[in-house]
Amino acid sequence: LATRVAPYGTTVLITGESGTGKEVLSRTIHRMSPRRDGQFVAVNCGAIPENLLESELFGYVKGAFTDAKSRRIGKFEHANGGTLFLDEIESMPLHVQVHLLRVLQERAIERLGSNELIPLDLRVVAASKVDLRAAATRGTFREDLYYRLGVVVIDIPPLRERRQDIPLLFQHFVLVDAA
């Protein structure tokens, strides 16, 4: 599925337990795509404090808030022409999910403190270790965002369910360490 979707600009949602290789698969999709020469920008939504996530993603203009002493581009702009990987998307606060939904619909952003629309040409790949459909039902994740992200959903089963992959992974890591 990843091989088939890579050549297209389709938004992809990768699901699976922690450690299943969601970022590795996302990087592979990027490398196999026409965007391979563009940036691959990975953002762990769960590792950025909630009060900083918006400015990290969207950037800001000078004066947008107290410490905004100069203009700063965000991760969306930095990934323009390439791929933005949003890991642990389930950690994104609901108010930021609204902004992400708009970006996916409009393919443009506004930096914080600005009214200027900045057009984007990028692929978004998101990853989650939780069932986002169930999170949407509970009200902890926007249902409309789930459907916008889940154009193509790739579920990575844990290694315990893919025992046939162990020799391939072993060989890969032995060859990487030997090089």
Protein backbone atom coordinates (compact mmCIF):
# COMPACT_ATOMS: atom_id res chain seq x y z
CA LEU A 1 0.00 0.00 0.00
CA ALA A 2 2.83 2.42 0.85
CA THR A 3 4.46 1.70 -2.52
CA ARG A 4 1.19 2.32 -4.35
CA VAL A 5 0.39 5.58 -2.54
CA ALA A 6 3.93 7.06 -2.58
CA PRO A 7 3.78 8.59 -6.11
CA TYR A 8 0.64 10.56 -5.29
CA GLY A 9 0.19 13.55 -2.97
CA THR A 10 -2.42 11.76 -0.92
CA THR A 11 -2.57 12.41 2.82
CA VAL A 12 -1.67 9.24 4.72
CA LEU A 13 -2.49 8.14 8.26
CA ILE A 14 -0.19 5.47 9.71
CA THR A 15 -1.41 3.64 12.80
CA GLY A 16 0.29 1.17 15.07
CA GLU A 17 1.76 0.63 18.50
CA SER A 18 4.82 2.55 19.64
CA GLY A 19 7.96 1.13 18.04
CA THR A 20 6.29 -0.42 14.99
CA GLY A 21 8.15 1.84 12.55
CA LYS A 22 5.60 4.51 11.68
CA GLU A 23 8.26 7.17 11.08
CA VAL A 24 10.43 4.73 9.11
CA LEU A 25 7.46 3.97 6.85
CA SER A 26 6.70 7.68 6.52
CA ARG A 27 10.30 8.38 5.45
CA THR A 28 10.06 5.52 2.95
CA ILE A 29 6.89 6.97 1.43
CA HIS A 30 8.70 10.32 1.13
CA ARG A 31 11.79 8.76 -0.50
CA MET A 32 9.61 6.90 -3.02
CA SER A 33 7.61 10.01 -3.92
CA PRO A 34 8.20 12.82 -6.41
CA ARG A 35 8.80 14.99 -3.29
CA ARG A 36 11.96 13.06 -2.37
CA ASP A 37 14.18 16.07 -3.16
CA GLY A 38 12.14 18.27 -0.81
CA GLN A 39 12.37 18.41 2.96
CA PHE A 40 11.12 15.61 5.20
CA VAL A 41 10.08 17.40 8.39
CA ALA A 42 9.11 15.28 11.40
CA VAL A 43 7.13 16.80 14.27
CA ASN A 44 6.31 14.87 17.42
CA CYS A 45 3.05 16.53 18.47
CA GLY A 46 3.25 14.89 21.91
CA ALA A 47 6.74 16.24 22.67
CA ILE A 48 6.00 19.94 22.08
CA PRO A 49 4.27 21.80 24.93
CA GLU A 50 0.67 22.67 24.07
CA ASN A 51 1.30 26.41 24.34
CA LEU A 52 4.14 26.22 21.75
CA LEU A 53 2.67 23.78 19.23
CA GLU A 54 0.78 26.38 17.17
CA SER A 55 3.83 28.61 16.72
CA GLU A 56 6.03 25.59 15.92
CA LEU A 57 3.64 24.41 13.21
CA PHE A 58 2.48 27.70 11.71
CA GLY A 59 5.29 30.11 12.54
CA TYR A 60 4.71 33.71 13.55
CA VAL A 61 5.41 37.31 12.65
CA LYS A 62 7.30 39.85 14.73
CA GLY A 63 5.05 41.13 17.52
CA ALA A 64 2.55 38.25 17.37
CA PHE A 65 3.13 37.68 21.09
CA THR A 66 5.44 39.02 23.80
CA ASP A 67 8.62 37.11 22.85
CA ALA A 68 8.09 37.23 19.06
CA LYS A 69 11.01 39.55 18.33
CA SER A 70 11.38 38.46 14.69
CA ARG A 71 9.53 36.49 12.01
CA ARG A 72 9.85 32.71 12.20
CA ILE A 73 8.62 30.14 9.71
CA GLY A 74 6.88 27.07 11.08
CA LYS A 75 7.16 23.39 10.25
CA PHE A 76 4.49 23.60 7.54
CA GLU A 77 6.44 26.24 5.63
CA HIS A 78 9.72 24.43 6.21
CA ALA A 79 8.23 21.28 4.67
CA ASN A 80 6.86 23.13 1.64
CA GLY A 81 7.71 21.11 -1.47
CA GLY A 82 8.28 17.99 0.64
CA THR A 83 6.59 15.97 3.36
CA LEU A 84 5.43 16.94 6.85
CA PHE A 85 5.23 14.00 9.25
CA LEU A 86 2.97 14.62 12.26
CA ASP A 87 3.77 11.93 14.82
CA GLU A 88 1.52 11.29 17.83
CA ILE A 89 -1.24 13.31 16.17
CA GLU A 90 -3.60 12.12 18.91
CA SER A 91 -1.73 14.46 21.31
CA MET A 92 -2.64 17.56 19.32
CA PRO A 93 -5.00 19.83 21.28
CA LEU A 94 -8.48 20.31 19.79
CA HIS A 95 -7.95 24.02 19.07
CA VAL A 96 -4.83 23.20 17.01
CA GLN A 97 -6.72 20.38 15.25
CA VAL A 98 -9.12 23.05 13.92
CA HIS A 99 -6.17 24.92 12.37
CA LEU A 100 -4.74 21.70 10.92
CA LEU A 101 -8.10 20.85 9.35
CA ARG A 102 -8.15 24.24 7.65
CA VAL A 103 -4.59 23.78 6.35
CA LEU A 104 -5.51 20.40 4.87
CA GLN A 105 -8.59 21.90 3.21
CA GLU A 106 -7.05 25.14 1.96
CA ARG A 107 -3.42 24.04 1.42
CA ALA A 108 -2.35 27.35 2.93
CA ILE A 109 -1.36 28.70 6.34
CA GLU A 110 -1.38 31.99 8.17
CA ARG A 111 1.52 32.63 10.51
CA LEU A 112 0.42 33.63 14.02
CA GLY A 113 -0.20 37.36 14.09
CA SER A 114 -0.58 37.64 10.31
CA ASN A 115 -3.49 37.83 7.90
CA GLU A 116 -1.42 36.79 4.88
CA LEU A 117 -2.20 33.39 3.39
CA ILE A 118 0.89 31.40 2.45
CA PRO A 119 0.16 28.69 -0.14
CA LEU A 120 1.63 25.26 0.52
CA ASP A 121 2.61 22.36 -1.71
CA LEU A 122 3.33 19.47 0.61
CA ARG A 123 2.20 16.00 1.58
CA VAL A 124 1.05 15.41 5.13
CA VAL A 125 1.63 12.04 6.74
CA ALA A 126 0.26 11.61 10.27
CA ALA A 127 0.82 8.80 12.74
CA SER A 128 -1.05 7.64 15.79
CA LYS A 129 -0.64 4.90 18.36
CA VAL A 130 -4.32 5.13 19.33
CA ASP A 131 -7.52 4.42 17.43
CA LEU A 132 -8.46 7.90 16.17
CA ARG A 133 -11.94 6.82 15.17
CA ALA A 134 -12.60 5.79 18.78
CA ALA A 135 -10.99 9.04 19.99
CA ALA A 136 -13.36 10.96 17.70
CA THR A 137 -16.31 9.09 19.21
CA ARG A 138 -15.07 10.04 22.71
CA GLY A 139 -14.68 13.68 21.61
CA THR A 140 -10.92 13.81 22.15
CA PHE A 141 -10.14 13.99 18.42
CA ARG A 142 -12.07 15.83 15.70
CA GLU A 143 -14.03 13.43 13.51
CA ASP A 144 -13.74 15.67 10.45
CA LEU A 145 -9.95 15.79 10.91
CA TYR A 146 -9.83 12.01 11.23
CA TYR A 147 -11.54 11.64 7.85
CA ARG A 148 -9.35 14.33 6.28
CA LEU A 149 -6.17 12.61 7.53
CA GLY A 150 -7.37 9.08 6.81
CA VAL A 151 -7.57 9.33 3.02
CA VAL A 152 -5.23 6.34 3.03
CA VAL A 153 -4.78 4.44 6.31
CA ILE A 154 -1.86 2.08 6.77
CA ASP A 155 -1.92 -0.03 9.92
CA ILE A 156 1.43 -1.48 10.99
CA PRO A 157 0.99 -4.58 13.12
CA PRO A 158 3.47 -5.12 15.96
CA LEU A 159 6.49 -7.33 15.33
CA ARG A 160 4.98 -10.11 17.47
CA GLU A 161 2.38 -10.46 14.69
CA ARG A 162 5.04 -10.34 11.94
CA ARG A 163 7.50 -12.98 13.05
CA GLN A 164 8.43 -13.64 9.41
CA ASP A 165 10.04 -10.16 9.36
CA ILE A 166 12.51 -10.93 12.16
CA PRO A 167 15.19 -12.56 9.92
CA LEU A 168 14.93 -9.66 7.44
CA LEU A 169 15.26 -7.07 10.19
CA PHE A 170 18.14 -8.99 11.79
CA GLN A 171 19.97 -9.13 8.48
CA HIS A 172 19.34 -5.42 7.83
CA PHE A 173 20.68 -4.34 11.22
CA VAL A 174 23.70 -6.63 11.02
CA LEU A 175 24.56 -5.20 7.59
CA VAL A 176 24.03 -1.61 8.78
CA ASP A 177 26.26 -2.17 11.83
CA ALA A 178 28.91 -3.88 9.69
CA ALA A 179 29.12 -0.92 7.28
